[in-house]
Amino acid sequence: MAGWDERIALLEADFPGWHIWRSNAGRWWATRTGSVLRRDELGTGRVMTLDADDETDLRGQLAAQVGMDSELEG
């Protein structure tokens, strides 16, 4: 299994526009990069920052955010 840095780099490559890190407490975090969106620009369910217990959960949450972003753009 790859180290933390490699796993984070892979997630960031899979989800451009998100900065990802793992906290000292072991939680996984992601926040949108670029322009900060206002609450009304985010809409229902879209968020600026995510947190998860593990990498798999974070990946699922990121995929959901990307799906919502695509619906908004589409």
PDB file of N, CA and C in Angstrom:
ATOM      1  N   MET A   1       0.850  -1.183   0.000  1.00  0.00           N
ATOM      2  CA  MET A   1       0.000   0.000   0.000  1.00  0.00           C
ATOM      3  C   MET A   1       0.892   1.241   0.000  1.00  0.00           C
ATOM      4  N   ALA A   2       0.501   2.223  -0.764  1.00  0.00           N
ATOM      5  CA  ALA A   2       1.275   3.459  -0.862  1.00  0.00           C
ATOM      6  C   ALA A   2       1.223   4.225   0.452  1.00  0.00           C
ATOM      7  N   GLY A   3       2.210   5.106   0.656  1.00  0.00           N
ATOM      8  CA  GLY A   3       2.233   5.953   1.842  1.00  0.00           C
ATOM      9  C   GLY A   3       1.170   7.030   1.752  1.00  0.00           C
ATOM     10  N   TRP A   4       1.020   7.764   2.856  1.00  0.00           N
ATOM     11  CA  TRP A   4      -0.021   8.805   2.930  1.00  0.00           C
ATOM     12  C   TRP A   4       0.133   9.829   1.819  1.00  0.00           C
ATOM     13  N   ASP A   5       1.335  10.311   1.601  1.00  0.00           N
ATOM     14  CA  ASP A   5       1.535  11.348   0.580  1.00  0.00           C
ATOM     15  C   ASP A   5       1.111  10.859  -0.803  1.00  0.00           C
ATOM     16  N   GLU A   6       1.461   9.617  -1.123  1.00  0.00           N
ATOM     17  CA  GLU A   6       1.099   9.066  -2.419  1.00  0.00           C
ATOM     18  C   GLU A   6      -0.415   8.881  -2.538  1.00  0.00           C
ATOM     19  N   ARG A   7      -1.039   8.405  -1.471  1.00  0.00           N
ATOM     20  CA  ARG A   7      -2.490   8.198  -1.493  1.00  0.00           C
ATOM     21  C   ARG A   7      -3.227   9.527  -1.633  1.00  0.00           C
ATOM     22  N   ILE A   8      -2.747  10.537  -0.943  1.00  0.00           N
ATOM     23  CA  ILE A   8      -3.352  11.865  -1.047  1.00  0.00           C
ATOM     24  C   ILE A   8      -3.167  12.416  -2.463  1.00  0.00           C
ATOM     25  N   ALA A   9      -1.967  12.258  -3.024  1.00  0.00           N
ATOM     26  CA  ALA A   9      -1.705  12.733  -4.383  1.00  0.00           C
ATOM     27  C   ALA A   9      -2.630  12.042  -5.385  1.00  0.00           C
ATOM     28  N   LEU A  10      -2.881  10.756  -5.206  1.00  0.00           N
ATOM     29  CA  LEU A  10      -3.790  10.038  -6.099  1.00  0.00           C
ATOM     30  C   LEU A  10      -5.213  10.577  -5.983  1.00  0.00           C
ATOM     31  N   LEU A  11      -5.667  10.825  -4.760  1.00  0.00           N
ATOM     32  CA  LEU A  11      -7.002  11.394  -4.573  1.00  0.00           C
ATOM     33  C   LEU A  11      -7.110  12.770  -5.215  1.00  0.00           C
ATOM     34  N   GLU A  12      -6.092  13.598  -5.019  1.00  0.00           N
ATOM     35  CA  GLU A  12      -6.125  14.940  -5.612  1.00  0.00           C
ATOM     36  C   GLU A  12      -6.102  14.867  -7.133  1.00  0.00           C
ATOM     37  N   ALA A  13      -5.416  13.873  -7.690  1.00  0.00           N
ATOM     38  CA  ALA A  13      -5.412  13.699  -9.146  1.00  0.00           C
ATOM     39  C   ALA A  13      -6.786  13.247  -9.639  1.00  0.00           C
ATOM     40  N   ASP A  14      -7.458  12.414  -8.850  1.00  0.00           N
ATOM     41  CA  ASP A  14      -8.791  11.936  -9.220  1.00  0.00           C
ATOM     42  C   ASP A  14      -9.864  13.007  -9.042  1.00  0.00           C
ATOM     43  N   PHE A  15      -9.605  13.959  -8.131  1.00  0.00           N
ATOM     44  CA  PHE A  15     -10.584  14.995  -7.818  1.00  0.00           C
ATOM     45  C   PHE A  15      -9.942  16.378  -7.888  1.00  0.00           C
ATOM     46  N   PRO A  16      -9.664  16.859  -9.107  1.00  0.00           N
ATOM     47  CA  PRO A  16      -9.073  18.184  -9.257  1.00  0.00           C
ATOM     48  C   PRO A  16      -9.996  19.242  -8.641  1.00  0.00           C
ATOM     49  N   GLY A  17      -9.382  20.269  -8.089  1.00  0.00           N
ATOM     50  CA  GLY A  17     -10.167  21.325  -7.463  1.00  0.00           C
ATOM     51  C   GLY A  17     -10.388  21.089  -5.979  1.00  0.00           C
ATOM     52  N   TRP A  18      -9.798  20.024  -5.452  1.00  0.00           N
ATOM     53  CA  TRP A  18      -9.897  19.710  -4.025  1.00  0.00           C
ATOM     54  C   TRP A  18      -8.494  19.536  -3.443  1.00  0.00           C
ATOM     55  N   HIS A  19      -8.280  20.114  -2.263  1.00  0.00           N
ATOM     56  CA  HIS A  19      -7.044  19.900  -1.500  1.00  0.00           C
ATOM     57  C   HIS A  19      -7.373  18.892  -0.409  1.00  0.00           C
ATOM     58  N   ILE A  20      -6.570  17.846  -0.308  1.00  0.00           N
ATOM     59  CA  ILE A  20      -6.860  16.736   0.601  1.00  0.00           C
ATOM     60  C   ILE A  20      -5.718  16.565   1.585  1.00  0.00           C
ATOM     61  N   TRP A  21      -6.073  16.243   2.826  1.00  0.00           N
ATOM     62  CA  TRP A  21      -5.060  15.959   3.840  1.00  0.00           C
ATOM     63  C   TRP A  21      -5.617  14.999   4.871  1.00  0.00           C
ATOM     64  N   ARG A  22      -4.717  14.436   5.659  1.00  0.00           N
ATOM     65  CA  ARG A  22      -5.076  13.543   6.752  1.00  0.00           C
ATOM     66  C   ARG A  22      -4.608  14.204   8.040  1.00  0.00           C
ATOM     67  N   SER A  23      -5.518  14.327   8.998  1.00  0.00           N
ATOM     68  CA  SER A  23      -5.182  15.006  10.249  1.00  0.00           C
ATOM     69  C   SER A  23      -4.349  14.104  11.165  1.00  0.00           C
ATOM     70  N   ASN A  24      -3.759  14.714  12.176  1.00  0.00           N
ATOM     71  CA  ASN A  24      -3.000  13.949  13.165  1.00  0.00           C
ATOM     72  C   ASN A  24      -3.883  12.952  13.902  1.00  0.00           C
ATOM     73  N   ALA A  25      -5.173  13.230  13.969  1.00  0.00           N
ATOM     74  CA  ALA A  25      -6.127  12.329  14.624  1.00  0.00           C
ATOM     75  C   ALA A  25      -6.549  11.178  13.702  1.00  0.00           C
ATOM     76  N   GLY A  26      -6.084  11.203  12.444  1.00  0.00           N
ATOM     77  CA  GLY A  26      -6.370  10.118  11.522  1.00  0.00           C
ATOM     78  C   GLY A  26      -7.584  10.323  10.635  1.00  0.00           C
ATOM     79  N   ARG A  27      -8.226  11.486  10.740  1.00  0.00           N
ATOM     80  CA  ARG A  27      -9.388  11.765   9.873  1.00  0.00           C
ATOM     81  C   ARG A  27      -8.909  12.306   8.531  1.00  0.00           C
ATOM     82  N   TRP A  28      -9.705  12.062   7.517  1.00  0.00           N
ATOM     83  CA  TRP A  28      -9.417  12.529   6.174  1.00  0.00           C
ATOM     84  C   TRP A  28     -10.251  13.762   5.897  1.00  0.00           C
ATOM     85  N   TRP A  29      -9.641  14.763   5.272  1.00  0.00           N
ATOM     86  CA  TRP A  29     -10.286  16.050   4.999  1.00  0.00           C
ATOM     87  C   TRP A  29     -10.055  16.448   3.551  1.00  0.00           C
ATOM     88  N   ALA A  30     -11.005  17.210   3.011  1.00  0.00           N
ATOM     89  CA  ALA A  30     -10.856  17.788   1.671  1.00  0.00           C
ATOM     90  C   ALA A  30     -11.568  19.134   1.665  1.00  0.00           C
ATOM     91  N   THR A  31     -10.948  20.102   1.020  1.00  0.00           N
ATOM     92  CA  THR A  31     -11.584  21.402   0.866  1.00  0.00           C
ATOM     93  C   THR A  31     -11.418  21.866  -0.574  1.00  0.00           C
ATOM     94  N   ARG A  32     -12.414  22.563  -1.052  1.00  0.00           N
ATOM     95  CA  ARG A  32     -12.342  23.075  -2.412  1.00  0.00           C
ATOM     96  C   ARG A  32     -11.218  24.107  -2.517  1.00  0.00           C
ATOM     97  N   THR A  33     -10.553  24.128  -3.652  1.00  0.00           N
ATOM     98  CA  THR A  33      -9.524  25.124  -3.913  1.00  0.00           C
ATOM     99  C   THR A  33     -10.090  26.170  -4.867  1.00  0.00           C
ATOM    100  N   GLY A  34      -9.377  27.247  -5.031  1.00  0.00           N
ATOM    101  CA  GLY A  34      -9.850  28.298  -5.926  1.00  0.00           C
ATOM    102  C   GLY A  34     -10.750  29.264  -5.197  1.00  0.00           C
ATOM    103  N   SER A  35     -11.708  29.798  -5.902  1.00  0.00           N
ATOM    104  CA  SER A  35     -12.618  30.792  -5.338  1.00  0.00           C
ATOM    105  C   SER A  35     -13.475  30.177  -4.236  1.00  0.00           C
ATOM    106  N   VAL A  36     -13.639  30.925  -3.178  1.00  0.00           N
ATOM    107  CA  VAL A  36     -14.517  30.494  -2.099  1.00  0.00           C
ATOM    108  C   VAL A  36     -15.954  30.738  -2.540  1.00  0.00           C
ATOM    109  N   LEU A  37     -16.761  29.709  -2.433  1.00  0.00           N
ATOM    110  CA  LEU A  37     -18.154  29.820  -2.829  1.00  0.00           C
ATOM    111  C   LEU A  37     -19.002  30.275  -1.651  1.00  0.00           C
ATOM    112  N   ARG A  38     -19.952  31.143  -1.942  1.00  0.00           N
ATOM    113  CA  ARG A  38     -20.904  31.545  -0.901  1.00  0.00           C
ATOM    114  C   ARG A  38     -21.928  30.427  -0.734  1.00  0.00           C
ATOM    115  N   ARG A  39     -22.604  30.434   0.396  1.00  0.00           N
ATOM    116  CA  ARG A  39     -23.583  29.391   0.686  1.00  0.00           C
ATOM    117  C   ARG A  39     -24.618  29.259  -0.436  1.00  0.00           C
ATOM    118  N   ASP A  40     -25.109  30.376  -0.957  1.00  0.00           N
ATOM    119  CA  ASP A  40     -26.123  30.294  -2.005  1.00  0.00           C
ATOM    120  C   ASP A  40     -25.545  29.773  -3.322  1.00  0.00           C
ATOM    121  N   GLU A  41     -24.237  29.889  -3.522  1.00  0.00           N
ATOM    122  CA  GLU A  41     -23.599  29.338  -4.718  1.00  0.00           C
ATOM    123  C   GLU A  41     -23.393  27.827  -4.584  1.00  0.00           C
ATOM    124  N   LEU A  42     -23.290  27.365  -3.353  1.00  0.00           N
ATOM    125  CA  LEU A  42     -23.094  25.936  -3.141  1.00  0.00           C
ATOM    126  C   LEU A  42     -24.370  25.156  -3.415  1.00  0.00           C
ATOM    127  N   GLY A  43     -25.483  25.668  -2.937  1.00  0.00           N
ATOM    128  CA  GLY A  43     -26.746  24.974  -3.139  1.00  0.00           C
ATOM    129  C   GLY A  43     -26.911  23.819  -2.165  1.00  0.00           C
ATOM    130  N   THR A  44     -27.982  23.111  -2.309  1.00  0.00           N
ATOM    131  CA  THR A  44     -28.293  22.019  -1.408  1.00  0.00           C
ATOM    132  C   THR A  44     -27.303  20.870  -1.556  1.00  0.00           C
ATOM    133  N   GLY A  45     -26.651  20.522  -0.467  1.00  0.00           N
ATOM    134  CA  GLY A  45     -25.764  19.370  -0.448  1.00  0.00           C
ATOM    135  C   GLY A  45     -24.324  19.644  -0.835  1.00  0.00           C
ATOM    136  N   ARG A  46     -24.072  20.718  -1.566  1.00  0.00           N
ATOM    137  CA  ARG A  46     -22.696  21.033  -1.948  1.00  0.00           C
ATOM    138  C   ARG A  46     -22.022  21.758  -0.789  1.00  0.00           C
ATOM    139  N   VAL A  47     -20.781  21.406  -0.512  1.00  0.00           N
ATOM    140  CA  VAL A  47     -20.062  21.971   0.628  1.00  0.00           C
ATOM    141  C   VAL A  47     -18.667  22.412   0.214  1.00  0.00           C
ATOM    142  N   MET A  48     -18.076  23.260   1.037  1.00  0.00           N
ATOM    143  CA  MET A  48     -16.693  23.707   0.804  1.00  0.00           C
ATOM    144  C   MET A  48     -15.681  22.697   1.344  1.00  0.00           C
ATOM    145  N   THR A  49     -16.016  22.047   2.482  1.00  0.00           N
ATOM    146  CA  THR A  49     -15.073  21.152   3.154  1.00  0.00           C
ATOM    147  C   THR A  49     -15.771  19.869   3.565  1.00  0.00           C
ATOM    148  N   LEU A  50     -15.058  18.762   3.410  1.00  0.00           N
ATOM    149  CA  LEU A  50     -15.549  17.440   3.779  1.00  0.00           C
ATOM    150  C   LEU A  50     -14.616  16.816   4.808  1.00  0.00           C
ATOM    151  N   ASP A  51     -15.155  15.930   5.634  1.00  0.00           N
ATOM    152  CA  ASP A  51     -14.293  15.113   6.477  1.00  0.00           C
ATOM    153  C   ASP A  51     -14.862  13.708   6.546  1.00  0.00           C
ATOM    154  N   ALA A  52     -13.986  12.736   6.772  1.00  0.00           N
ATOM    155  CA  ALA A  52     -14.398  11.335   6.775  1.00  0.00           C
ATOM    156  C   ALA A  52     -13.501  10.534   7.710  1.00  0.00           C
ATOM    157  N   ASP A  53     -14.012   9.381   8.116  1.00  0.00           N
ATOM    158  CA  ASP A  53     -13.242   8.488   8.983  1.00  0.00           C
ATOM    159  C   ASP A  53     -12.103   7.815   8.235  1.00  0.00           C
ATOM    160  N   ASP A  54     -12.299   7.595   6.922  1.00  0.00           N
ATOM    161  CA  ASP A  54     -11.268   6.880   6.172  1.00  0.00           C
ATOM    162  C   ASP A  54     -11.252   7.344   4.711  1.00  0.00           C
ATOM    163  N   GLU A  55     -10.277   6.868   4.008  1.00  0.00           N
ATOM    164  CA  GLU A  55     -10.071   7.265   2.612  1.00  0.00           C
ATOM    165  C   GLU A  55     -11.242   6.860   1.721  1.00  0.00           C
ATOM    166  N   THR A  56     -11.780   5.687   1.934  1.00  0.00           N
ATOM    167  CA  THR A  56     -12.887   5.204   1.119  1.00  0.00           C
ATOM    168  C   THR A  56     -14.119   6.092   1.271  1.00  0.00           C
ATOM    169  N   ASP A  57     -14.425   6.461   2.506  1.00  0.00           N
ATOM    170  CA  ASP A  57     -15.572   7.338   2.756  1.00  0.00           C
ATOM    171  C   ASP A  57     -15.348   8.707   2.124  1.00  0.00           C
ATOM    172  N   LEU A  58     -14.129   9.239   2.253  1.00  0.00           N
ATOM    173  CA  LEU A  58     -13.845  10.544   1.651  1.00  0.00           C
ATOM    174  C   LEU A  58     -13.988  10.476   0.137  1.00  0.00           C
ATOM    175  N   ARG A  59     -13.487   9.406  -0.462  1.00  0.00           N
ATOM    176  CA  ARG A  59     -13.601   9.237  -1.918  1.00  0.00           C
ATOM    177  C   ARG A  59     -15.072   9.243  -2.336  1.00  0.00           C
ATOM    178  N   GLY A  60     -15.912   8.560  -1.587  1.00  0.00           N
ATOM    179  CA  GLY A  60     -17.339   8.537  -1.895  1.00  0.00           C
ATOM    180  C   GLY A  60     -17.974   9.914  -1.780  1.00  0.00           C
ATOM    181  N   GLN A  61     -17.606  10.648  -0.745  1.00  0.00           N
ATOM    182  CA  GLN A  61     -18.149  11.994  -0.572  1.00  0.00           C
ATOM    183  C   GLN A  61     -17.681  12.924  -1.689  1.00  0.00           C
ATOM    184  N   LEU A  62     -16.414  12.793  -2.071  1.00  0.00           N
ATOM    185  CA  LEU A  62     -15.888  13.623  -3.162  1.00  0.00           C
ATOM    186  C   LEU A  62     -16.614  13.306  -4.470  1.00  0.00           C
ATOM    187  N   ALA A  63     -16.846  12.029  -4.737  1.00  0.00           N
ATOM    188  CA  ALA A  63     -17.559  11.639  -5.956  1.00  0.00           C
ATOM    189  C   ALA A  63     -18.963  12.237  -5.961  1.00  0.00           C
ATOM    190  N   ALA A  64     -19.614  12.239  -4.813  1.00  0.00           N
ATOM    191  CA  ALA A  64     -20.952  12.830  -4.720  1.00  0.00           C
ATOM    192  C   ALA A  64     -20.906  14.325  -4.993  1.00  0.00           C
ATOM    193  N   GLN A  65     -19.891  15.023  -4.470  1.00  0.00           N
ATOM    194  CA  GLN A  65     -19.761  16.451  -4.710  1.00  0.00           C
ATOM    195  C   GLN A  65     -19.526  16.738  -6.191  1.00  0.00           C
ATOM    196  N   VAL A  66     -18.681  15.948  -6.814  1.00  0.00           N
ATOM    197  CA  VAL A  66     -18.407  16.120  -8.247  1.00  0.00           C
ATOM    198  C   VAL A  66     -19.689  15.896  -9.046  1.00  0.00           C
ATOM    199  N   GLY A  67     -20.481  14.908  -8.651  1.00  0.00           N
ATOM    200  CA  GLY A  67     -21.755  14.661  -9.326  1.00  0.00           C
ATOM    201  C   GLY A  67     -22.690  15.852  -9.207  1.00  0.00           C
ATOM    202  N   MET A  68     -22.779  16.429  -8.003  1.00  0.00           N
ATOM    203  CA  MET A  68     -23.634  17.601  -7.810  1.00  0.00           C
ATOM    204  C   MET A  68     -23.111  18.791  -8.603  1.00  0.00           C
ATOM    205  N   ASP A  69     -21.780  18.943  -8.644  1.00  0.00           N
ATOM    206  CA  ASP A  69     -21.185  20.041  -9.425  1.00  0.00           C
ATOM    207  C   ASP A  69     -21.543  19.883 -10.901  1.00  0.00           C
ATOM    208  N   SER A  70     -21.480  18.672 -11.407  1.00  0.00           N
ATOM    209  CA  SER A  70     -21.783  18.410 -12.819  1.00  0.00           C
ATOM    210  C   SER A  70     -23.233  18.720 -13.141  1.00  0.00           C
ATOM    211  N   GLU A  71     -24.139  18.368 -12.215  1.00  0.00           N
ATOM    212  CA  GLU A  71     -25.565  18.664 -12.418  1.00  0.00           C
ATOM    213  C   GLU A  71     -25.789  20.163 -12.482  1.00  0.00           C
ATOM    214  N   LEU A  72     -25.084  20.906 -11.647  1.00  0.00           N
ATOM    215  CA  LEU A  72     -25.236  22.360 -11.606  1.00  0.00           C
ATOM    216  C   LEU A  72     -24.716  22.995 -12.903  1.00  0.00           C
ATOM    217  N   GLU A  73     -23.606  22.474 -13.404  1.00  0.00           N
ATOM    218  CA  GLU A  73     -22.997  23.019 -14.614  1.00  0.00           C
ATOM    219  C   GLU A  73     -23.767  22.601 -15.864  1.00  0.00           C
ATOM    220  N   GLY A  74     -24.363  21.403 -15.806  1.00  0.00           N
ATOM    221  CA  GLY A  74     -25.002  20.806 -16.971  1.00  0.00           C
ATOM    222  C   GLY A  74     -26.228  21.465 -17.388  1.00  0.00           C
TER     223      GLY A  74
END
